[in-house]
Amino acid sequence: MATKMNRRKRLRRHLGSFAIAGVVLLLLVFVSAASLSLRVSNSNKQDRIAELEAQIEAEEKRAEEIEEYGKYVQTKKYAEEVAKEKLGLVYEDEIIFKAED
């Protein structure tokens, strides 16, 4: 009878160890899955960051072009071009040649 009791005690100890090992294994699986999910999310966010940085660079270049155009619009040369193209104005000493239709 003493041997049956010893067997039961050993079995309980082993079952407890297996239960703890099983819980640890489950935790390991869940942590690994969460880690993988976070890595994918991080990769997607890094791609988005690169895309947004490229957009920022393009918009900064566009802003510079607009600023340069704004300065150009303030010049006399621009006013003359608009007067000639849109209004058909010319200087008094200019000679205009037109092609026959």
C-alpha atoms as a PDB file:
ATOM      1  CA  MET A   1       0.000   0.000   0.000  1.00  0.00           C
ATOM      2  CA  ALA A   2       2.861   2.313   0.686  1.00  0.00           C
ATOM      3  CA  THR A   3       4.091   1.851  -2.842  1.00  0.00           C
ATOM      4  CA  LYS A   4       0.673   2.814  -4.230  1.00  0.00           C
ATOM      5  CA  MET A   5       0.784   6.045  -2.185  1.00  0.00           C
ATOM      6  CA  ASN A   6       4.300   6.819  -3.393  1.00  0.00           C
ATOM      7  CA  ARG A   7       3.227   6.233  -6.989  1.00  0.00           C
ATOM      8  CA  ARG A   8       0.257   8.583  -6.603  1.00  0.00           C
ATOM      9  CA  LYS A   9       2.449  11.301  -5.057  1.00  0.00           C
ATOM     10  CA  ARG A  10       5.006  10.962  -7.837  1.00  0.00           C
ATOM     11  CA  LEU A  11       2.232  11.003 -10.444  1.00  0.00           C
ATOM     12  CA  ARG A  12       0.769  14.188  -8.947  1.00  0.00           C
ATOM     13  CA  ARG A  13       4.196  15.836  -8.944  1.00  0.00           C
ATOM     14  CA  HIS A  14       4.742  14.881 -12.557  1.00  0.00           C
ATOM     15  CA  LEU A  15       1.251  16.020 -13.562  1.00  0.00           C
ATOM     16  CA  GLY A  16       1.894  19.371 -11.873  1.00  0.00           C
ATOM     17  CA  SER A  17       5.176  19.728 -13.725  1.00  0.00           C
ATOM     18  CA  PHE A  18       3.512  18.838 -17.034  1.00  0.00           C
ATOM     19  CA  ALA A  19       0.710  21.315 -16.348  1.00  0.00           C
ATOM     20  CA  ILE A  20       3.213  24.096 -15.640  1.00  0.00           C
ATOM     21  CA  ALA A  21       5.206  23.177 -18.748  1.00  0.00           C
ATOM     22  CA  GLY A  22       1.982  23.246 -20.801  1.00  0.00           C
ATOM     23  CA  VAL A  23       1.044  26.690 -19.500  1.00  0.00           C
ATOM     24  CA  VAL A  24       4.536  27.996 -20.224  1.00  0.00           C
ATOM     25  CA  LEU A  25       4.350  26.526 -23.723  1.00  0.00           C
ATOM     26  CA  LEU A  26       0.972  28.185 -24.349  1.00  0.00           C
ATOM     27  CA  LEU A  27       2.342  31.501 -23.139  1.00  0.00           C
ATOM     28  CA  LEU A  28       5.310  31.090 -25.450  1.00  0.00           C
ATOM     29  CA  VAL A  29       2.994  30.474 -28.421  1.00  0.00           C
ATOM     30  CA  PHE A  30       0.837  33.525 -27.623  1.00  0.00           C
ATOM     31  CA  VAL A  31       3.841  35.784 -27.124  1.00  0.00           C
ATOM     32  CA  SER A  32       5.377  34.575 -30.389  1.00  0.00           C
ATOM     33  CA  ALA A  33       2.140  35.233 -32.277  1.00  0.00           C
ATOM     34  CA  ALA A  34       1.849  38.712 -30.768  1.00  0.00           C
ATOM     35  CA  SER A  35       5.494  39.415 -31.583  1.00  0.00           C
ATOM     36  CA  LEU A  36       4.982  38.402 -35.211  1.00  0.00           C
ATOM     37  CA  SER A  37       1.899  40.596 -35.440  1.00  0.00           C
ATOM     38  CA  LEU A  38       3.821  43.560 -34.041  1.00  0.00           C
ATOM     39  CA  ARG A  39       6.676  43.019 -36.503  1.00  0.00           C
ATOM     40  CA  VAL A  40       4.266  43.035 -39.442  1.00  0.00           C
ATOM     41  CA  SER A  41       2.579  46.146 -38.096  1.00  0.00           C
ATOM     42  CA  ASN A  42       5.951  47.825 -37.592  1.00  0.00           C
ATOM     43  CA  SER A  43       6.986  46.981 -41.145  1.00  0.00           C
ATOM     44  CA  ASN A  44       3.758  48.461 -42.519  1.00  0.00           C
ATOM     45  CA  LYS A  45       4.243  51.605 -40.471  1.00  0.00           C
ATOM     46  CA  GLN A  46       7.851  51.960 -41.657  1.00  0.00           C
ATOM     47  CA  ASP A  47       6.625  51.746 -45.261  1.00  0.00           C
ATOM     48  CA  ARG A  48       4.003  54.415 -44.527  1.00  0.00           C
ATOM     49  CA  ILE A  49       6.639  56.645 -42.915  1.00  0.00           C
ATOM     50  CA  ALA A  50       8.854  56.367 -46.012  1.00  0.00           C
ATOM     51  CA  GLU A  51       5.888  57.189 -48.247  1.00  0.00           C
ATOM     52  CA  LEU A  52       4.959  60.235 -46.157  1.00  0.00           C
ATOM     53  CA  GLU A  53       8.558  61.466 -46.113  1.00  0.00           C
ATOM     54  CA  ALA A  54       8.613  61.283 -49.913  1.00  0.00           C
ATOM     55  CA  GLN A  55       5.364  63.280 -50.024  1.00  0.00           C
ATOM     56  CA  ILE A  56       6.822  65.877 -47.654  1.00  0.00           C
ATOM     57  CA  GLU A  57       9.875  66.236 -49.872  1.00  0.00           C
ATOM     58  CA  ALA A  58       7.704  66.642 -52.980  1.00  0.00           C
ATOM     59  CA  GLU A  59       5.522  69.244 -51.265  1.00  0.00           C
ATOM     60  CA  GLU A  60       8.569  71.182 -50.062  1.00  0.00           C
ATOM     61  CA  LYS A  61       9.890  71.260 -53.628  1.00  0.00           C
ATOM     62  CA  ARG A  62       6.481  72.390 -54.862  1.00  0.00           C
ATOM     63  CA  ALA A  63       6.374  75.134 -52.216  1.00  0.00           C
ATOM     64  CA  GLU A  64       9.776  76.391 -53.413  1.00  0.00           C
ATOM     65  CA  GLU A  65       8.545  76.443 -57.016  1.00  0.00           C
ATOM     66  CA  ILE A  66       5.441  78.376 -55.992  1.00  0.00           C
ATOM     67  CA  GLU A  67       7.563  80.858 -54.070  1.00  0.00           C
ATOM     68  CA  GLU A  68       9.823  81.358 -57.092  1.00  0.00           C
ATOM     69  CA  TYR A  69       6.793  81.805 -59.341  1.00  0.00           C
ATOM     70  CA  GLY A  70       5.381  84.346 -56.876  1.00  0.00           C
ATOM     71  CA  LYS A  71       8.596  86.343 -57.143  1.00  0.00           C
ATOM     72  CA  TYR A  72       8.516  86.065 -60.952  1.00  0.00           C
ATOM     73  CA  VAL A  73       4.930  87.348 -61.083  1.00  0.00           C
ATOM     74  CA  GLN A  74       6.098  90.528 -59.333  1.00  0.00           C
ATOM     75  CA  THR A  75       8.632  91.328 -62.089  1.00  0.00           C
ATOM     76  CA  LYS A  76       8.262  93.734 -65.002  1.00  0.00           C
ATOM     77  CA  LYS A  77       9.101  90.961 -67.453  1.00  0.00           C
ATOM     78  CA  TYR A  78       6.015  88.988 -66.358  1.00  0.00           C
ATOM     79  CA  ALA A  79       3.799  92.053 -66.697  1.00  0.00           C
ATOM     80  CA  GLU A  80       5.107  92.623 -70.243  1.00  0.00           C
ATOM     81  CA  GLU A  81       4.506  88.999 -71.219  1.00  0.00           C
ATOM     82  CA  VAL A  82       0.933  89.075 -69.926  1.00  0.00           C
ATOM     83  CA  ALA A  83       0.266  92.394 -71.631  1.00  0.00           C
ATOM     84  CA  LYS A  84       1.506  91.012 -74.950  1.00  0.00           C
ATOM     85  CA  GLU A  85      -0.139  87.580 -74.766  1.00  0.00           C
ATOM     86  CA  LYS A  86      -3.480  88.366 -73.166  1.00  0.00           C
ATOM     87  CA  LEU A  87      -4.078  91.974 -74.106  1.00  0.00           C
ATOM     88  CA  GLY A  88      -2.150  92.170 -77.370  1.00  0.00           C
ATOM     89  CA  LEU A  89      -0.272  95.301 -76.265  1.00  0.00           C
ATOM     90  CA  VAL A  90       3.041  96.258 -77.859  1.00  0.00           C
ATOM     91  CA  TYR A  91       5.612  99.003 -77.505  1.00  0.00           C
ATOM     92  CA  GLU A  92       5.300 101.987 -79.869  1.00  0.00           C
ATOM     93  CA  ASP A  93       8.503 101.157 -81.720  1.00  0.00           C
ATOM     94  CA  GLU A  94       7.751  97.428 -82.163  1.00  0.00           C
ATOM     95  CA  ILE A  95       6.863  95.983 -85.532  1.00  0.00           C
ATOM     96  CA  ILE A  96       4.530  93.002 -85.537  1.00  0.00           C
ATOM     97  CA  PHE A  97       4.550  90.448 -88.315  1.00  0.00           C
ATOM     98  CA  LYS A  98       1.446  88.291 -88.670  1.00  0.00           C
ATOM     99  CA  ALA A  99       1.116  85.228 -90.840  1.00  0.00           C
ATOM    100  CA  GLU A 100      -1.591  85.213 -93.468  1.00  0.00           C
ATOM    101  CA  ASP A 101      -4.416  82.781 -92.889  1.00  0.00           C
END
